[in-house]
Amino acid sequence: MLNKLLFFDRGKLQLSIVIGGTLLGLILLLLPLQLFLDFRELLTQKTDLLNPQYMVLNKEVTLMGMVGDKKQGFSQNEIEKLKKQQSVEEIAPFTANNFYSFGILGFGGGVPDFQTDLFLEAVPTKFLDNLPHNWQWEPGKDIPIILPTDFINLYNFSFAATHGLPQVSKTVVKMAPFKIVVDSMGKKVEFNAHISGFSDRINTIIVPLQFLEYGNKSFTKADGLETKPGKIIVKSNDPTNASLSNYIAHCGYETNQELLRNAKLTGVLRVVASVLSILGLLIVVLSATGFFQFAQLVLNRKAYEVKTLLQLGFNPKTIWKYYFKIFTMILSSVLVFSCIIIYIFKPWFAEFAANYGFELNAGVSSITIFSGIVVVCIYLFSTMANLWREILRS
């Protein structure tokens, strides 16, 4: 009986427009949220990017730096400022050799010995990705060396291929005898060394810090020039945070730009998701206004019936509960349909992302559903609070 008295079968067009606007606003609000959650999970939880990322920074070599007397490096003040940046966990400068040195590597078996000037550097052991078990040095012992993986790849697939030389494996390189010859002020000292491992993270020749400290103290160049660290290694606990990449660009520091690609992608994604969410929120607010007006229209058209029922002794709560049930059913249906539509369109977005090498999860996140429930509850309770006031006025 209440259904015939308190609701009307006319005005279906108004009801359809209100429901359609609410559905569109909810979709435009929840869909960007869902996509943002998918990409955030992809860029953090489902890849190695969640683990700390290591970046090697150096300053850009400018024309003034080329003609100047001093090489460009990082001052202590610059290092301290970088430490304070968001997502920076640890920083360490590279320690370089201040003495002349060259290395001799012999393979035997028809492969000529290699002799070349060396640049030696060291970082704290916690920054190394493949730490050998014998990574310690003291006078009288062999010097363990870590080579960049790129070095052996360049030899095997570029140098050896064009010079008719055999390729060598990492195992053979580790077995090959190696000597480091230090030449300082006409004094030559030989050190036995061996290749202990290879690094994918640091693209330089790494030796234990103890050896460089010993060498810089004992075999420093005649000019005794002390330079600022030319490179630093940065450990970031949130590589998807764009603030660090922006700071690096602002200061003119250089690093492997590929390492910053996901941070830039996340920044763009956040901007796009924010714009779409604001647009969706605006539509939600407009559709909420329309929903309030529709509820007000329903009550106004049934004002006589409501007043009559109240005069007959009906409890105002009974009438209010009736409208609460009706609008709960409408808004719940809108929420369900919006989630279904998002679920239907997810494969299309997943296919689009797959074209760029990203694999998105199927389904709708519980956070998205919960956010939709919160919006619907705000809709419902604000509407019902207004209706309760109107019923009491009747």
Protein backbone atom coordinates (compact mmCIF):
# COMPACT_ATOMS: atom_id res chain seq x y z
CA MET A 1 0.00 0.00 0.00
CA LEU A 2 2.81 2.45 0.91
CA ASN A 3 4.38 1.83 -2.47
CA LYS A 4 1.23 3.05 -4.26
CA LEU A 5 0.74 5.99 -1.93
CA LEU A 6 4.28 7.30 -1.41
CA PHE A 7 5.98 6.64 -4.75
CA PHE A 8 4.84 7.65 -8.22
CA ASP A 9 5.00 5.88 -11.52
CA ARG A 10 5.32 9.08 -13.50
CA GLY A 11 8.54 11.04 -13.83
CA LYS A 12 10.50 8.02 -15.01
CA LEU A 13 12.57 10.27 -17.26
CA GLN A 14 13.73 12.34 -14.28
CA LEU A 15 14.54 9.18 -12.35
CA SER A 16 16.51 7.76 -15.29
CA ILE A 17 18.52 10.98 -15.72
CA VAL A 18 19.34 11.10 -12.00
CA ILE A 19 20.36 7.44 -11.89
CA GLY A 20 22.38 7.80 -15.10
CA GLY A 21 24.22 10.87 -13.79
CA THR A 22 24.96 9.16 -10.50
CA LEU A 23 26.21 6.07 -12.32
CA LEU A 24 28.46 8.12 -14.62
CA GLY A 25 29.89 10.15 -11.75
CA LEU A 26 30.60 7.05 -9.69
CA ILE A 27 32.33 5.34 -12.62
CA LEU A 28 34.50 8.37 -13.38
CA LEU A 29 35.42 8.54 -9.71
CA LEU A 30 36.16 4.85 -9.15
CA LEU A 31 37.75 3.93 -12.48
CA PRO A 32 40.77 6.27 -12.15
CA LEU A 33 41.17 5.08 -8.56
CA GLN A 34 41.17 1.45 -9.72
CA LEU A 35 43.70 2.11 -12.50
CA PHE A 36 45.94 4.05 -10.13
CA LEU A 37 45.87 1.17 -7.62
CA ASP A 38 46.69 -1.30 -10.40
CA PHE A 39 49.68 0.69 -11.61
CA ARG A 40 50.90 1.40 -8.10
CA GLU A 41 50.85 -2.30 -7.31
CA LEU A 42 52.59 -3.01 -10.60
CA LEU A 43 55.34 -0.48 -9.96
CA THR A 44 55.89 -1.39 -6.32
CA GLN A 45 54.65 -4.73 -5.09
CA LYS A 46 54.98 -6.80 -8.25
CA THR A 47 58.42 -5.77 -9.43
CA ASP A 48 61.90 -5.43 -8.07
CA LEU A 49 61.23 -1.71 -7.85
CA LEU A 50 59.78 -2.25 -4.40
CA ASN A 51 63.28 -3.18 -3.28
CA PRO A 52 65.66 -0.29 -2.70
CA GLN A 53 66.99 1.13 -5.93
CA TYR A 54 70.58 2.24 -6.29
CA MET A 55 71.58 5.17 -8.46
CA VAL A 56 75.06 6.40 -9.24
CA LEU A 57 75.12 10.19 -9.57
CA ASN A 58 77.73 12.48 -11.04
CA LYS A 59 77.80 16.11 -12.11
CA GLU A 60 77.55 17.14 -15.72
CA VAL A 61 80.91 17.96 -17.27
CA THR A 62 80.62 21.51 -18.58
CA LEU A 63 82.96 23.57 -20.75
CA MET A 64 84.03 25.59 -17.72
CA GLY A 65 84.75 22.37 -15.89
CA MET A 66 86.95 21.17 -18.76
CA VAL A 67 89.17 24.26 -18.74
CA GLY A 68 89.23 24.65 -14.96
CA ASP A 69 92.03 23.47 -12.73
CA LYS A 70 89.83 21.42 -10.45
CA LYS A 71 87.56 18.57 -11.37
CA GLN A 72 83.92 18.84 -10.50
CA GLY A 73 82.80 16.86 -7.49
CA PHE A 74 80.24 16.76 -4.69
CA SER A 75 80.79 18.97 -1.68
CA GLN A 76 79.79 17.78 1.78
CA ASN A 77 76.99 20.34 1.81
CA GLU A 78 75.56 18.95 -1.45
CA ILE A 79 75.71 15.42 -0.08
CA GLU A 80 73.92 16.46 3.11
CA LYS A 81 71.16 18.18 1.12
CA LEU A 82 70.69 15.08 -1.00
CA LYS A 83 70.41 12.94 2.13
CA LYS A 84 67.44 15.03 3.26
CA GLN A 85 65.46 14.40 0.09
CA GLN A 86 62.32 12.31 0.29
CA SER A 87 62.83 8.58 -0.40
CA VAL A 88 66.63 8.81 0.03
CA GLU A 89 67.70 6.17 2.52
CA GLU A 90 71.50 6.14 2.32
CA ILE A 91 74.29 7.85 0.40
CA ALA A 92 77.96 7.02 0.02
CA PRO A 93 80.67 8.74 -2.05
CA PHE A 94 82.97 6.75 -4.29
CA THR A 95 86.57 6.61 -3.10
CA ALA A 96 88.94 6.76 -6.08
CA ASN A 97 92.65 6.04 -6.38
CA ASN A 98 94.95 9.08 -6.16
CA PHE A 99 97.89 7.08 -7.53
CA TYR A 100 98.82 5.79 -10.96
CA SER A 101 98.14 2.13 -11.56
CA PHE A 102 97.84 -0.32 -14.41
CA GLY A 103 96.70 -3.91 -14.56
CA ILE A 104 97.92 -7.02 -16.34
CA LEU A 105 95.44 -9.82 -17.01
CA GLY A 106 96.65 -13.07 -18.57
CA PHE A 107 94.38 -15.83 -19.88
CA GLY A 108 96.92 -18.10 -21.54
CA GLY A 109 95.92 -20.61 -24.19
CA GLY A 110 96.70 -18.31 -27.09
CA VAL A 111 94.81 -15.33 -25.69
CA PRO A 112 97.16 -12.37 -25.39
CA ASP A 113 97.66 -10.69 -22.06
CA PHE A 114 95.78 -7.47 -21.47
CA GLN A 115 97.60 -4.50 -20.01
CA THR A 116 95.85 -1.21 -19.36
CA ASP A 117 95.79 1.78 -17.09
CA LEU A 118 93.32 1.27 -14.27
CA PHE A 119 90.85 3.48 -12.49
CA LEU A 120 90.06 1.93 -9.13
CA GLU A 121 87.15 2.87 -6.90
CA ALA A 122 85.57 1.64 -3.70
CA VAL A 123 82.21 1.94 -1.94
CA PRO A 124 80.97 0.53 1.37
CA THR A 125 80.21 -3.17 1.08
CA LYS A 126 76.48 -2.68 1.81
CA PHE A 127 76.11 -0.95 -1.56
CA LEU A 128 77.46 -3.91 -3.56
CA ASP A 129 74.98 -6.21 -5.29
CA ASN A 130 77.23 -9.31 -5.56
CA LEU A 131 79.54 -9.37 -2.57
CA PRO A 132 82.28 -12.07 -2.76
CA HIS A 133 82.92 -14.06 0.39
CA ASN A 134 86.58 -12.95 0.48
CA TRP A 135 85.94 -9.23 0.13
CA GLN A 136 88.64 -8.08 2.53
CA TRP A 137 92.20 -6.95 2.05
CA GLU A 138 95.28 -6.47 4.16
CA PRO A 139 98.94 -6.05 3.18
CA GLY A 140 100.44 -9.28 1.87
CA LYS A 141 97.15 -10.69 0.54
CA ASP A 142 95.72 -10.76 -2.97
CA ILE A 143 93.44 -7.89 -3.92
CA PRO A 144 89.89 -9.03 -4.78
CA ILE A 145 88.35 -7.14 -7.69
CA ILE A 146 84.76 -6.74 -8.89
CA LEU A 147 84.33 -5.96 -12.59
CA PRO A 148 81.19 -4.60 -14.23
CA THR A 149 79.28 -7.27 -16.12
CA ASP A 150 79.30 -4.90 -19.10
CA PHE A 151 83.08 -5.21 -19.33
CA ILE A 152 83.04 -8.94 -20.02
CA ASN A 153 80.09 -8.53 -22.38
CA LEU A 154 81.90 -5.82 -24.35
CA TYR A 155 84.93 -8.05 -24.72
CA ASN A 156 83.00 -11.16 -25.74
CA PHE A 157 80.51 -9.60 -28.14
CA SER A 158 82.39 -6.57 -29.46
CA PHE A 159 86.16 -6.71 -29.03
CA ALA A 160 86.75 -10.47 -29.39
CA ALA A 161 84.32 -10.78 -32.30
CA THR A 162 86.09 -8.10 -34.34
CA HIS A 163 89.67 -9.17 -33.50
CA GLY A 164 89.35 -12.90 -34.04
CA LEU A 165 89.87 -13.69 -30.37
CA PRO A 166 88.09 -16.45 -28.39
CA GLN A 167 85.32 -15.55 -26.05
CA VAL A 168 85.83 -16.16 -22.34
CA SER A 169 83.38 -17.08 -19.59
CA LYS A 170 83.12 -15.44 -16.21
CA THR A 171 84.61 -18.56 -14.63
CA VAL A 172 87.71 -18.33 -16.83
CA VAL A 173 88.09 -14.63 -16.02
CA LYS A 174 88.01 -15.41 -12.30
CA MET A 175 90.73 -18.03 -12.78
CA ALA A 176 93.02 -15.77 -14.83
CA PRO A 177 96.08 -14.34 -13.01
CA PHE A 178 95.87 -10.60 -12.48
CA LYS A 179 98.41 -8.09 -11.29
CA ILE A 180 98.02 -4.47 -10.25
CA VAL A 181 101.14 -2.39 -10.69
CA VAL A 182 101.33 0.88 -8.78
CA ASP A 183 103.62 3.57 -10.14
CA SER A 184 104.12 6.57 -7.91
CA MET A 185 107.05 8.98 -8.14
CA GLY A 186 109.09 6.41 -10.07
CA LYS A 187 108.43 3.67 -7.54
CA LYS A 188 106.74 0.54 -8.83
CA VAL A 189 105.02 -1.95 -6.57
CA GLU A 190 103.24 -5.09 -7.77
CA PHE A 191 100.20 -6.56 -6.08
CA ASN A 192 98.71 -9.93 -6.86
CA ALA A 193 94.98 -9.71 -7.50
CA HIS A 194 92.11 -11.81 -8.77
CA ILE A 195 88.65 -11.19 -10.21
CA SER A 196 86.23 -12.14 -7.43
CA GLY A 197 82.91 -11.23 -9.01
CA PHE A 198 80.87 -9.10 -11.36
CA SER A 199 78.46 -6.28 -10.69
CA ASP A 200 75.29 -5.34 -12.56
CA ARG A 201 74.76 -2.28 -10.36
CA ILE A 202 78.05 -0.38 -10.45
CA ASN A 203 79.79 0.26 -13.76
CA THR A 204 83.36 0.66 -12.54
CA ILE A 205 86.29 -1.40 -11.24
CA ILE A 206 85.69 -1.99 -7.54
CA VAL A 207 88.37 -2.94 -5.01
CA PRO A 208 88.15 -3.14 -1.21
CA LEU A 209 88.12 0.20 0.57
CA GLN A 210 91.04 -0.94 2.76
CA PHE A 211 93.31 -1.18 -0.29
CA LEU A 212 92.43 2.28 -1.62
CA GLU A 213 92.92 3.86 1.79
CA TYR A 214 96.30 2.16 2.02
CA GLY A 215 97.24 3.10 -1.54
CA ASN A 216 96.15 6.72 -1.28
CA LYS A 217 98.18 7.08 1.89
CA SER A 218 101.29 5.29 0.58
CA PHE A 219 101.36 6.00 -3.17
CA THR A 220 99.73 9.41 -3.60
CA LYS A 221 100.67 11.35 -6.73
CA ALA A 222 103.46 13.86 -6.47
CA ASP A 223 101.07 16.81 -6.61
CA GLY A 224 99.15 15.38 -3.66
CA LEU A 225 95.93 16.71 -5.13
CA GLU A 226 92.89 15.93 -3.04
CA THR A 227 89.63 16.06 -4.98
CA LYS A 228 86.00 15.96 -4.01
CA PRO A 229 84.20 12.68 -4.71
CA GLY A 230 83.22 12.71 -8.37
CA LYS A 231 80.46 10.12 -7.95
CA ILE A 232 78.08 9.11 -5.23
CA ILE A 233 75.78 6.14 -4.90
CA VAL A 234 72.24 6.73 -3.62
CA LYS A 235 69.95 4.12 -2.08
CA SER A 236 66.29 5.04 -2.56
CA ASN A 237 63.56 3.24 -0.61
CA ASP A 238 60.83 4.46 -2.98
CA PRO A 239 62.08 4.52 -6.56
CA THR A 240 58.60 5.42 -7.86
CA ASN A 241 58.66 8.75 -6.00
CA ALA A 242 59.04 11.53 -8.55
CA SER A 243 60.37 14.09 -6.04
CA LEU A 244 63.87 12.58 -6.09
CA SER A 245 64.10 12.56 -9.90
CA ASN A 246 62.90 16.16 -9.95
CA TYR A 247 65.58 17.16 -7.44
CA ILE A 248 68.27 15.37 -9.45
CA ALA A 249 67.20 17.21 -12.60
CA HIS A 250 67.00 20.53 -10.74
CA CYS A 251 70.55 20.22 -9.44
CA GLY A 252 71.90 19.15 -12.83
CA TYR A 253 73.12 15.76 -11.63
CA GLU A 254 73.41 12.92 -14.11
CA THR A 255 72.45 9.27 -13.75
CA ASN A 256 71.04 6.45 -15.83
CA GLN A 257 67.75 7.96 -17.00
CA GLU A 258 66.25 4.51 -17.43
CA LEU A 259 66.30 4.20 -13.64
CA LEU A 260 64.06 7.26 -13.36
CA ARG A 261 61.61 6.17 -16.05
CA ASN A 262 59.15 4.52 -13.64
CA ALA A 263 59.26 7.51 -11.31
CA LYS A 264 58.28 9.76 -14.21
CA LEU A 265 55.59 7.28 -15.27
CA THR A 266 54.16 7.23 -11.77
CA GLY A 267 54.15 11.02 -11.66
CA VAL A 268 52.23 11.22 -14.94
CA LEU A 269 49.85 8.52 -13.73
CA ARG A 270 49.14 10.42 -10.53
CA VAL A 271 48.39 13.61 -12.45
CA VAL A 272 46.05 11.85 -14.89
CA ALA A 273 44.33 9.94 -12.09
CA SER A 274 43.93 13.16 -10.07
CA VAL A 275 42.39 15.04 -13.00
CA LEU A 276 39.97 12.21 -13.76
CA SER A 277 39.11 11.82 -10.08
CA ILE A 278 38.39 15.55 -9.75
CA LEU A 279 36.19 15.35 -12.84
CA GLY A 280 34.43 12.29 -11.40
CA LEU A 281 34.01 13.99 -8.04
CA LEU A 282 32.48 17.02 -9.75
CA ILE A 283 30.01 14.82 -11.59
CA VAL A 284 29.26 12.97 -8.35
CA VAL A 285 28.48 16.27 -6.62
CA LEU A 286 26.26 17.40 -9.50
CA SER A 287 24.45 14.06 -9.63
CA ALA A 288 24.08 14.15 -5.82
CA THR A 289 22.39 17.54 -6.17
CA GLY A 290 20.10 16.05 -8.78
CA PHE A 291 19.39 13.10 -6.51
CA PHE A 292 18.50 15.41 -3.63
CA GLN A 293 16.17 17.36 -5.91
CA PHE A 294 14.59 14.14 -7.13
CA ALA A 295 13.99 12.99 -3.55
CA GLN A 296 12.52 16.41 -2.76
CA LEU A 297 10.28 16.14 -5.85
CA VAL A 298 9.01 12.72 -4.78
CA LEU A 299 8.10 14.03 -1.34
CA ASN A 300 6.51 17.20 -2.71
CA ARG A 301 4.31 15.27 -5.11
CA LYS A 302 3.23 13.01 -2.28
CA ALA A 303 2.92 15.72 0.35
CA TYR A 304 -0.85 15.24 0.66
CA GLU A 305 -0.49 11.46 1.11
CA VAL A 306 2.28 11.89 3.69
CA LYS A 307 0.26 14.45 5.64
CA THR A 308 -2.83 12.22 5.55
CA LEU A 309 -0.87 9.19 6.81
CA LEU A 310 0.56 11.23 9.65
CA GLN A 311 -2.92 12.45 10.63
CA LEU A 312 -4.13 8.83 10.60
CA GLY A 313 -1.50 8.02 13.19
CA PHE A 314 1.33 6.65 11.07
CA ASN A 315 4.71 6.98 12.74
CA PRO A 316 7.00 9.37 10.79
CA LYS A 317 9.74 6.76 11.14
CA THR A 318 7.62 4.28 9.14
CA ILE A 319 7.41 6.70 6.21
CA TRP A 320 11.09 7.56 6.52
CA LYS A 321 12.06 3.85 6.57
CA TYR A 322 10.03 3.29 3.42
CA TYR A 323 11.96 5.96 1.52
CA PHE A 324 15.21 4.73 3.06
CA LYS A 325 14.51 1.27 1.65
CA ILE A 326 13.67 2.66 -1.81
CA PHE A 327 16.73 4.88 -2.10
CA THR A 328 19.02 2.23 -0.63
CA MET A 329 17.90 -0.15 -3.38
CA ILE A 330 18.49 2.51 -6.06
CA LEU A 331 21.94 3.54 -4.85
CA SER A 332 23.04 -0.03 -4.19
CA SER A 333 22.06 -0.93 -7.75
CA VAL A 334 24.05 2.03 -9.04
CA LEU A 335 27.12 0.90 -7.07
CA VAL A 336 26.80 -2.70 -8.27
CA PHE A 337 26.40 -1.63 -11.90
CA SER A 338 29.36 0.76 -11.68
CA CYS A 339 31.60 -2.03 -10.34
CA ILE A 340 30.35 -4.37 -13.07
CA ILE A 341 31.08 -1.79 -15.77
CA ILE A 342 34.58 -1.20 -14.36
CA TYR A 343 35.14 -4.96 -14.30
CA ILE A 344 33.98 -5.25 -17.92
CA PHE A 345 36.27 -2.46 -19.10
CA LYS A 346 39.31 -3.68 -17.14
CA PRO A 347 40.42 -6.18 -19.85
CA TRP A 348 40.51 -3.33 -22.38
CA PHE A 349 42.76 -1.25 -20.13
CA ALA A 350 44.85 -4.34 -19.34
CA GLU A 351 45.35 -4.99 -23.07
CA PHE A 352 46.31 -1.36 -23.63
CA ALA A 353 48.84 -1.52 -20.76
CA ALA A 354 50.19 -4.87 -22.04
CA ASN A 355 51.19 -3.15 -25.28
CA TYR A 356 53.63 -1.10 -23.20
CA GLY A 357 54.92 -4.06 -21.21
CA PHE A 358 52.71 -3.71 -18.11
CA GLU A 359 50.60 -6.56 -16.79
CA LEU A 360 47.56 -5.46 -14.78
CA ASN A 361 45.57 -7.62 -12.41
CA ALA A 362 42.05 -8.67 -13.26
CA GLY A 363 39.14 -7.75 -11.02
CA VAL A 364 38.18 -4.75 -8.93
CA SER A 365 40.15 -3.82 -5.85
CA SER A 366 38.50 -3.96 -2.44
CA ILE A 367 39.70 -0.39 -1.89
CA THR A 368 37.72 0.70 -4.97
CA ILE A 369 34.60 -1.09 -3.76
CA PHE A 370 34.98 0.36 -0.26
CA SER A 371 35.40 3.86 -1.72
CA GLY A 372 32.22 3.35 -3.73
CA ILE A 373 30.36 2.24 -0.61
CA VAL A 374 31.56 5.36 1.23
CA VAL A 375 30.33 7.63 -1.58
CA VAL A 376 26.96 5.84 -1.72
CA CYS A 377 26.58 6.08 2.06
CA ILE A 378 27.26 9.82 1.91
CA TYR A 379 24.65 10.09 -0.84
CA LEU A 380 22.11 8.07 1.09
CA PHE A 381 22.44 9.54 4.56
CA SER A 382 22.57 13.14 3.35
CA THR A 383 19.43 12.52 1.27
CA MET A 384 17.63 10.76 4.09
CA ALA A 385 18.57 13.47 6.60
CA ASN A 386 16.94 16.02 4.30
CA LEU A 387 13.84 13.83 3.84
CA TRP A 388 13.47 13.37 7.60
CA ARG A 389 13.35 17.13 8.08
CA GLU A 390 10.72 17.44 5.32
CA ILE A 391 8.59 14.65 6.82
CA LEU A 392 8.62 16.32 10.21
CA ARG A 393 7.55 19.60 8.62
CA SER A 394 4.54 17.85 7.13
